[in-house]
Amino acid sequence: MPAASQPSQASRPTAVPSTRSRSKLVTVALAFLFGSLGAHRFYLGGLRDQYGWLHLLATLAGAVGVAPWQPKPARRH
């Protein structure tokens, strides 16, 4: 076969093998129950998952933004 018809090693995506297998059922359950906190992302990627932290921080910022203990603005009559 000509060399041009075979893909080169550089053009193939390389998959990083996981050190342990992850359960799809646990992942879906975490996403359903604690998805807004990013629990499923931490389960899959560990504590180094940047998007998991983004989920968590965005949820906490939203919770503070709608917190009931915030003073209500004064109404004008």
N, C-alpha and C. Protein backbone atom coordinates (compact mmCIF):
# COMPACT_ATOMS: atom_id res chain seq x y z
N MET A 1 0.84 -1.18 0.00
CA MET A 1 0.00 0.00 0.00
C MET A 1 0.88 1.24 0.00
N PRO A 2 0.42 2.26 -0.66
CA PRO A 2 1.18 3.50 -0.61
C PRO A 2 1.11 4.12 0.77
N ALA A 3 2.15 4.82 1.13
CA ALA A 3 2.24 5.42 2.46
C ALA A 3 1.20 6.52 2.65
N ALA A 4 0.74 7.16 1.57
CA ALA A 4 -0.21 8.25 1.69
C ALA A 4 -1.60 7.78 2.11
N SER A 5 -1.94 6.52 1.86
CA SER A 5 -3.28 6.05 2.20
C SER A 5 -3.41 5.65 3.67
N GLN A 6 -2.30 5.47 4.36
CA GLN A 6 -2.36 5.11 5.76
C GLN A 6 -2.25 6.38 6.62
N PRO A 7 -3.13 6.49 7.62
CA PRO A 7 -3.03 7.68 8.48
C PRO A 7 -1.77 7.65 9.31
N SER A 8 -1.19 8.80 9.49
CA SER A 8 0.03 8.87 10.29
C SER A 8 -0.30 8.79 11.77
N GLN A 9 0.68 8.48 12.56
CA GLN A 9 0.50 8.37 14.00
C GLN A 9 0.11 9.73 14.60
N ALA A 10 0.60 10.82 14.05
CA ALA A 10 0.34 12.14 14.60
C ALA A 10 -1.12 12.56 14.40
N SER A 11 -1.79 12.06 13.35
CA SER A 11 -3.16 12.49 13.08
C SER A 11 -4.19 11.68 13.85
N ARG A 12 -3.81 10.58 14.45
CA ARG A 12 -4.75 9.76 15.21
C ARG A 12 -4.93 10.33 16.61
N PRO A 13 -6.20 10.43 17.06
CA PRO A 13 -6.39 10.87 18.44
C PRO A 13 -5.95 9.78 19.41
N THR A 14 -5.32 10.19 20.46
CA THR A 14 -4.86 9.22 21.45
C THR A 14 -5.79 9.27 22.65
N ALA A 15 -6.28 8.13 23.05
CA ALA A 15 -7.14 8.04 24.21
C ALA A 15 -6.30 7.71 25.43
N VAL A 16 -6.55 8.42 26.49
CA VAL A 16 -5.83 8.17 27.73
C VAL A 16 -6.59 7.08 28.48
N PRO A 17 -5.97 5.95 28.73
CA PRO A 17 -6.69 4.90 29.44
C PRO A 17 -6.96 5.28 30.89
N SER A 18 -8.14 4.95 31.35
CA SER A 18 -8.51 5.25 32.72
C SER A 18 -7.85 4.26 33.66
N THR A 19 -7.44 4.74 34.82
CA THR A 19 -6.79 3.86 35.77
C THR A 19 -7.80 2.96 36.47
N ARG A 20 -9.07 3.39 36.52
CA ARG A 20 -10.12 2.55 37.07
C ARG A 20 -11.39 2.78 36.27
N SER A 21 -12.23 1.78 36.23
CA SER A 21 -13.45 1.91 35.45
C SER A 21 -14.50 2.69 36.24
N ARG A 22 -15.34 3.38 35.54
CA ARG A 22 -16.39 4.18 36.15
C ARG A 22 -17.74 3.57 35.77
N SER A 23 -18.64 3.56 36.70
CA SER A 23 -19.97 3.03 36.46
C SER A 23 -20.83 4.09 35.78
N LYS A 24 -21.46 3.72 34.68
CA LYS A 24 -22.35 4.65 33.99
C LYS A 24 -23.59 4.94 34.83
N LEU A 25 -24.05 3.93 35.54
CA LEU A 25 -25.23 4.12 36.38
C LEU A 25 -24.97 5.11 37.51
N VAL A 26 -23.81 5.01 38.14
CA VAL A 26 -23.46 5.95 39.21
C VAL A 26 -23.30 7.35 38.64
N THR A 27 -22.70 7.45 37.47
CA THR A 27 -22.51 8.75 36.84
C THR A 27 -23.84 9.41 36.54
N VAL A 28 -24.78 8.65 35.98
CA VAL A 28 -26.10 9.21 35.67
C VAL A 28 -26.84 9.59 36.94
N ALA A 29 -26.75 8.76 37.97
CA ALA A 29 -27.42 9.07 39.24
C ALA A 29 -26.86 10.35 39.86
N LEU A 30 -25.55 10.51 39.83
CA LEU A 30 -24.93 11.72 40.37
C LEU A 30 -25.34 12.95 39.55
N ALA A 31 -25.38 12.79 38.23
CA ALA A 31 -25.77 13.91 37.37
C ALA A 31 -27.22 14.30 37.61
N PHE A 32 -28.10 13.31 37.83
CA PHE A 32 -29.51 13.60 38.07
C PHE A 32 -29.73 14.24 39.44
N LEU A 33 -29.09 13.68 40.46
CA LEU A 33 -29.33 14.16 41.82
C LEU A 33 -28.52 15.40 42.18
N PHE A 34 -27.28 15.45 41.76
CA PHE A 34 -26.37 16.54 42.16
C PHE A 34 -25.70 17.19 40.96
N GLY A 35 -26.39 17.23 39.83
CA GLY A 35 -25.81 17.75 38.60
C GLY A 35 -25.41 19.21 38.67
N SER A 36 -26.22 20.02 39.34
CA SER A 36 -25.90 21.44 39.40
C SER A 36 -24.66 21.71 40.24
N LEU A 37 -24.31 20.77 41.12
CA LEU A 37 -23.08 20.91 41.91
C LEU A 37 -21.87 20.32 41.20
N GLY A 38 -22.09 19.62 40.10
CA GLY A 38 -20.98 19.04 39.35
C GLY A 38 -20.45 17.75 39.94
N ALA A 39 -21.25 17.05 40.74
CA ALA A 39 -20.77 15.83 41.40
C ALA A 39 -20.35 14.77 40.39
N HIS A 40 -21.08 14.67 39.29
CA HIS A 40 -20.74 13.68 38.27
C HIS A 40 -19.40 14.00 37.62
N ARG A 41 -19.07 15.27 37.50
CA ARG A 41 -17.79 15.65 36.91
C ARG A 41 -16.64 15.28 37.84
N PHE A 42 -16.85 15.47 39.14
CA PHE A 42 -15.81 15.09 40.10
C PHE A 42 -15.66 13.58 40.15
N TYR A 43 -16.76 12.84 39.99
CA TYR A 43 -16.70 11.38 39.98
C TYR A 43 -15.89 10.90 38.78
N LEU A 44 -16.09 11.52 37.64
CA LEU A 44 -15.39 11.08 36.43
C LEU A 44 -13.97 11.61 36.35
N GLY A 45 -13.77 12.88 36.73
CA GLY A 45 -12.47 13.49 36.50
C GLY A 45 -11.65 13.77 37.74
N GLY A 46 -12.19 13.55 38.91
CA GLY A 46 -11.45 13.85 40.12
C GLY A 46 -11.53 15.32 40.48
N LEU A 47 -10.79 15.72 41.47
CA LEU A 47 -10.83 17.09 41.95
C LEU A 47 -10.12 18.07 41.03
N ARG A 48 -9.43 17.59 40.02
CA ARG A 48 -8.73 18.48 39.09
C ARG A 48 -9.60 18.93 37.93
N ASP A 49 -10.86 18.50 37.90
CA ASP A 49 -11.75 18.85 36.80
C ASP A 49 -12.19 20.31 36.93
N GLN A 50 -11.73 21.14 36.02
CA GLN A 50 -12.02 22.57 36.09
C GLN A 50 -13.49 22.87 35.87
N TYR A 51 -14.16 22.14 34.99
CA TYR A 51 -15.57 22.38 34.73
C TYR A 51 -16.42 21.93 35.92
N GLY A 52 -15.96 20.95 36.65
CA GLY A 52 -16.65 20.55 37.87
C GLY A 52 -16.65 21.68 38.89
N TRP A 53 -15.51 22.33 39.05
CA TRP A 53 -15.43 23.47 39.96
C TRP A 53 -16.27 24.63 39.45
N LEU A 54 -16.32 24.80 38.13
CA LEU A 54 -17.16 25.86 37.56
C LEU A 54 -18.62 25.62 37.88
N HIS A 55 -19.08 24.37 37.77
CA HIS A 55 -20.45 24.01 38.16
C HIS A 55 -20.70 24.41 39.60
N LEU A 56 -19.82 24.00 40.47
CA LEU A 56 -19.99 24.23 41.91
C LEU A 56 -20.00 25.71 42.25
N LEU A 57 -19.04 26.44 41.73
CA LEU A 57 -18.95 27.87 42.03
C LEU A 57 -20.13 28.66 41.46
N ALA A 58 -20.58 28.30 40.27
CA ALA A 58 -21.73 28.98 39.67
C ALA A 58 -22.99 28.72 40.48
N THR A 59 -23.15 27.50 40.96
CA THR A 59 -24.32 27.18 41.78
C THR A 59 -24.28 27.94 43.10
N LEU A 60 -23.13 27.99 43.73
CA LEU A 60 -23.01 28.72 44.99
C LEU A 60 -23.22 30.21 44.79
N ALA A 61 -22.71 30.77 43.71
CA ALA A 61 -22.91 32.19 43.44
C ALA A 61 -24.39 32.49 43.18
N GLY A 62 -25.08 31.60 42.49
CA GLY A 62 -26.50 31.78 42.26
C GLY A 62 -27.30 31.68 43.54
N ALA A 63 -26.90 30.76 44.42
CA ALA A 63 -27.60 30.60 45.69
C ALA A 63 -27.44 31.85 46.56
N VAL A 64 -26.26 32.45 46.53
CA VAL A 64 -26.04 33.68 47.30
C VAL A 64 -26.83 34.82 46.67
N GLY A 65 -26.94 34.81 45.35
CA GLY A 65 -27.66 35.88 44.65
C GLY A 65 -29.15 35.89 44.92
N VAL A 66 -29.73 34.76 45.23
CA VAL A 66 -31.17 34.70 45.49
C VAL A 66 -31.46 34.38 46.94
N ALA A 67 -30.49 34.58 47.79
CA ALA A 67 -30.63 34.23 49.21
C ALA A 67 -31.75 35.03 49.86
N PRO A 68 -32.55 34.39 50.71
CA PRO A 68 -33.65 35.11 51.35
C PRO A 68 -33.21 36.09 52.43
N TRP A 69 -31.98 36.00 52.89
CA TRP A 69 -31.54 36.90 53.96
C TRP A 69 -31.07 38.26 53.44
N GLN A 70 -31.10 38.46 52.15
CA GLN A 70 -30.70 39.74 51.59
C GLN A 70 -31.78 40.79 51.91
N PRO A 71 -31.36 42.00 52.23
CA PRO A 71 -32.36 43.04 52.51
C PRO A 71 -33.13 43.40 51.24
N LYS A 72 -34.41 43.60 51.39
CA LYS A 72 -35.25 43.98 50.26
C LYS A 72 -35.11 45.48 50.02
N PRO A 73 -35.14 45.90 48.76
CA PRO A 73 -35.04 47.32 48.49
C PRO A 73 -36.30 48.05 48.99
N ALA A 74 -36.10 49.29 49.42
CA ALA A 74 -37.23 50.09 49.92
C ALA A 74 -38.17 50.43 48.77
N ARG A 75 -39.47 50.30 49.04
CA ARG A 75 -40.46 50.62 48.00
C ARG A 75 -40.84 52.09 48.07
N ARG A 76 -41.02 52.66 46.93
CA ARG A 76 -41.47 54.06 46.86
C ARG A 76 -42.98 54.08 46.68
N HIS A 77 -43.63 55.00 47.35
CA HIS A 77 -45.08 55.12 47.24
C HIS A 77 -45.44 56.25 46.35
